[in-house]
Amino acid sequence: MRDILLLGQKAGLLLKERGDKIAVAETSAGGLIAASLLAQAGASAYFAGGAITYSARAIRGLVGISTDEMRERGIRSSSEPYAQWLAEAVKAKHGRIAWGLAETGASGPQGNPYGDPAGHTCMAVTGPLQRVRTLRTGSSDRVENMWLFAEATLALLVEALEAAPRAVREA
């Protein structure tokens, strides 16, 4: 298994240094992303909240995105546009915070109804800068994919935090 705790620790330290908060929405990582961020001492300084948006009911209830609205926009789950939208929606649900992070995919052992294979996920971070990425592991091992999805999403977050301009704070 991957050591996502080190990435969670690095992300947490960067968020603390910046004085920023984050909200997380994840589907096929099943809570591993939020858990790695929350495993760090002092996580309340940067972790605003999170949601496991595994079902249409959870997506609607926790972040306010309906399947009808997805159809109207021509966006489907497990896609880069949806990951970006999900990151923006979870960020907005948590008020005035700096960052939103999202992951959406098919952990396995089968693919999803959209034709994506097991091991496919899309992840996005939104805030002072935006990043979106797709990962395909080529594996149908559900648990291994969950760990890989969490690792890749946290790595994307760290990358964004390191690249983002720091806000000028008034004294």
Protein backbone atom coordinates (compact mmCIF):
# COMPACT_ATOMS: atom_id res chain seq x y z
CA MET A 1 0.00 0.00 0.00
CA ARG A 2 1.07 3.55 -0.65
CA ASP A 3 2.00 5.87 2.19
CA ILE A 4 -0.52 8.65 1.64
CA LEU A 5 0.12 9.96 5.13
CA LEU A 6 3.35 11.64 4.00
CA LEU A 7 1.49 13.47 1.22
CA GLY A 8 -1.28 14.41 3.65
CA GLN A 9 1.33 15.73 6.05
CA LYS A 10 3.06 17.76 3.34
CA ALA A 11 -0.26 19.19 2.11
CA GLY A 12 -1.30 20.00 5.68
CA LEU A 13 1.97 21.83 6.37
CA LEU A 14 1.65 23.83 3.16
CA LEU A 15 -1.96 24.74 3.95
CA LYS A 16 -0.97 25.81 7.49
CA GLU A 17 1.94 27.90 6.18
CA ARG A 18 -0.42 29.63 3.78
CA GLY A 19 -3.15 30.08 6.40
CA ASP A 20 -5.59 28.39 3.98
CA LYS A 21 -8.47 25.97 4.45
CA ILE A 22 -9.60 23.14 2.14
CA ALA A 23 -12.74 21.09 1.54
CA VAL A 24 -12.62 17.66 -0.10
CA ALA A 25 -15.11 15.65 -2.18
CA GLU A 26 -14.13 12.14 -3.17
CA THR A 27 -15.90 9.17 -4.68
CA SER A 28 -13.81 6.12 -5.47
CA ALA A 29 -11.03 6.93 -2.98
CA GLY A 30 -13.71 6.39 -0.34
CA GLY A 31 -12.44 8.80 2.29
CA LEU A 32 -8.72 8.03 2.10
CA ILE A 33 -7.92 11.57 0.90
CA ALA A 34 -9.74 13.24 3.78
CA ALA A 35 -8.37 10.69 6.25
CA SER A 36 -4.77 11.42 5.22
CA LEU A 37 -5.32 15.16 5.69
CA LEU A 38 -7.10 14.66 9.01
CA ALA A 39 -4.44 12.28 10.37
CA GLN A 40 -2.16 15.26 10.87
CA ALA A 41 -2.02 17.00 14.25
CA GLY A 42 -3.63 20.41 14.00
CA ALA A 43 -5.77 19.51 10.97
CA SER A 44 -8.54 21.78 12.21
CA ALA A 45 -6.34 24.71 11.17
CA TYR A 46 -6.75 23.81 7.49
CA PHE A 47 -9.48 21.16 7.02
CA ALA A 48 -12.91 22.78 6.56
CA GLY A 49 -14.80 19.58 5.74
CA GLY A 50 -15.35 16.84 3.27
CA ALA A 51 -17.84 14.56 1.58
CA ILE A 52 -17.81 11.09 0.10
CA THR A 53 -19.98 11.66 -2.94
CA TYR A 54 -20.29 8.02 -3.96
CA SER A 55 -23.93 8.09 -5.08
CA ALA A 56 -26.27 10.46 -6.91
CA ARG A 57 -28.05 11.00 -3.58
CA ALA A 58 -24.80 11.99 -1.87
CA ILE A 59 -23.77 14.27 -4.73
CA ARG A 60 -27.11 16.06 -4.58
CA GLY A 61 -27.34 16.18 -0.79
CA LEU A 62 -23.74 17.00 0.11
CA VAL A 63 -22.58 19.29 -2.70
CA GLY A 64 -25.83 20.29 -4.42
CA ILE A 65 -25.18 18.81 -7.86
CA SER A 66 -28.12 16.93 -9.42
CA THR A 67 -28.02 14.38 -12.23
CA ASP A 68 -30.49 16.58 -14.13
CA GLU A 69 -28.10 19.52 -13.90
CA MET A 70 -25.24 17.26 -15.03
CA ARG A 71 -27.27 16.18 -18.06
CA GLU A 72 -28.18 19.80 -18.87
CA ARG A 73 -24.51 20.76 -18.84
CA GLY A 74 -23.49 17.66 -20.79
CA ILE A 75 -21.15 16.58 -17.99
CA ARG A 76 -20.84 13.05 -16.68
CA SER A 77 -19.25 11.64 -13.58
CA SER A 78 -15.67 10.33 -13.79
CA SER A 79 -14.62 13.11 -16.16
CA GLU A 80 -12.28 16.07 -15.84
CA PRO A 81 -15.09 18.66 -16.23
CA TYR A 82 -17.05 16.91 -13.48
CA ALA A 83 -14.02 16.71 -11.17
CA GLN A 84 -13.50 20.46 -11.61
CA TRP A 85 -17.18 21.18 -10.96
CA LEU A 86 -17.15 18.92 -7.88
CA ALA A 87 -14.06 20.70 -6.48
CA GLU A 88 -15.73 24.07 -7.01
CA ALA A 89 -19.02 22.88 -5.48
CA VAL A 90 -17.46 21.43 -2.32
CA LYS A 91 -15.40 24.61 -1.91
CA ALA A 92 -18.51 26.77 -2.29
CA LYS A 93 -20.47 24.65 0.24
CA HIS A 94 -17.87 25.45 2.88
CA GLY A 95 -18.03 29.22 2.60
CA ARG A 96 -15.05 31.49 2.25
CA ILE A 97 -12.19 29.02 2.02
CA ALA A 98 -9.24 28.94 -0.35
CA TRP A 99 -9.25 25.42 -1.80
CA GLY A 100 -11.53 22.67 -3.09
CA LEU A 101 -10.25 19.19 -3.97
CA ALA A 102 -12.17 16.44 -5.77
CA GLU A 103 -11.69 12.89 -7.06
CA THR A 104 -14.14 10.85 -9.16
CA GLY A 105 -13.58 7.52 -10.83
CA ALA A 106 -14.01 3.75 -11.06
CA SER A 107 -11.95 1.81 -8.53
CA GLY A 108 -13.02 -1.61 -9.79
CA PRO A 109 -13.14 -4.45 -10.22
CA GLN A 110 -15.34 -3.37 -13.15
CA GLY A 111 -15.41 -0.09 -15.01
CA ASN A 112 -18.22 2.43 -14.82
CA PRO A 113 -21.38 2.79 -16.93
CA TYR A 114 -19.70 5.50 -19.05
CA GLY A 115 -17.15 3.07 -20.50
CA ASP A 116 -14.20 4.01 -18.33
CA PRO A 117 -12.20 0.98 -17.19
CA ALA A 118 -11.48 0.08 -13.60
CA GLY A 119 -8.51 2.10 -12.47
CA HIS A 120 -9.76 5.32 -14.11
CA THR A 121 -10.11 8.50 -12.06
CA CYS A 122 -10.19 12.24 -12.58
CA MET A 123 -9.08 14.69 -9.94
CA ALA A 124 -9.20 18.45 -9.62
CA VAL A 125 -8.05 21.19 -7.31
CA THR A 126 -9.50 24.67 -7.35
CA GLY A 127 -8.38 27.76 -5.51
CA PRO A 128 -5.73 30.37 -6.26
CA LEU A 129 -4.97 28.14 -9.24
CA GLN A 130 -6.73 25.22 -10.91
CA ARG A 131 -5.41 21.82 -11.88
CA VAL A 132 -7.22 18.85 -13.38
CA ARG A 133 -5.75 15.44 -14.16
CA THR A 134 -6.78 11.94 -15.23
CA LEU A 135 -5.15 8.76 -13.99
CA ARG A 136 -5.53 5.27 -15.42
CA THR A 137 -3.78 2.60 -13.40
CA GLY A 138 -4.52 -0.32 -15.74
CA SER A 139 -5.53 -2.39 -12.72
CA SER A 140 -8.88 -3.83 -11.63
CA ASP A 141 -7.73 -4.22 -8.00
CA ARG A 142 -10.29 -2.09 -6.16
CA VAL A 143 -8.34 -1.51 -2.94
CA GLU A 144 -5.03 -0.81 -4.68
CA ASN A 145 -6.80 1.65 -7.00
CA MET A 146 -8.35 3.45 -4.02
CA TRP A 147 -4.87 3.97 -2.54
CA LEU A 148 -3.43 5.04 -5.91
CA PHE A 149 -6.31 7.48 -6.49
CA ALA A 150 -5.77 9.03 -3.05
CA GLU A 151 -2.02 9.25 -3.62
CA ALA A 152 -2.41 10.92 -7.04
CA THR A 153 -5.02 13.37 -5.78
CA LEU A 154 -2.89 14.38 -2.80
CA ALA A 155 0.15 14.73 -5.07
CA LEU A 156 -1.90 17.04 -7.32
CA LEU A 157 -2.86 19.09 -4.26
CA VAL A 158 0.75 19.40 -3.10
CA GLU A 159 1.78 20.40 -6.63
CA ALA A 160 -0.89 23.12 -6.70
CA LEU A 161 -0.05 24.40 -3.23
CA GLU A 162 3.62 24.67 -4.13
CA ALA A 163 2.86 26.50 -7.40
CA ALA A 164 0.10 28.84 -6.23
CA PRO A 165 0.84 32.47 -5.50
CA ARG A 166 0.48 33.39 -1.87
CA ALA A 167 -2.20 35.91 -1.00
CA VAL A 168 -0.99 39.21 0.39
CA ARG A 169 -2.44 39.47 3.88
CA GLU A 170 -2.99 42.84 5.49
CA ALA A 171 -1.55 43.31 8.97
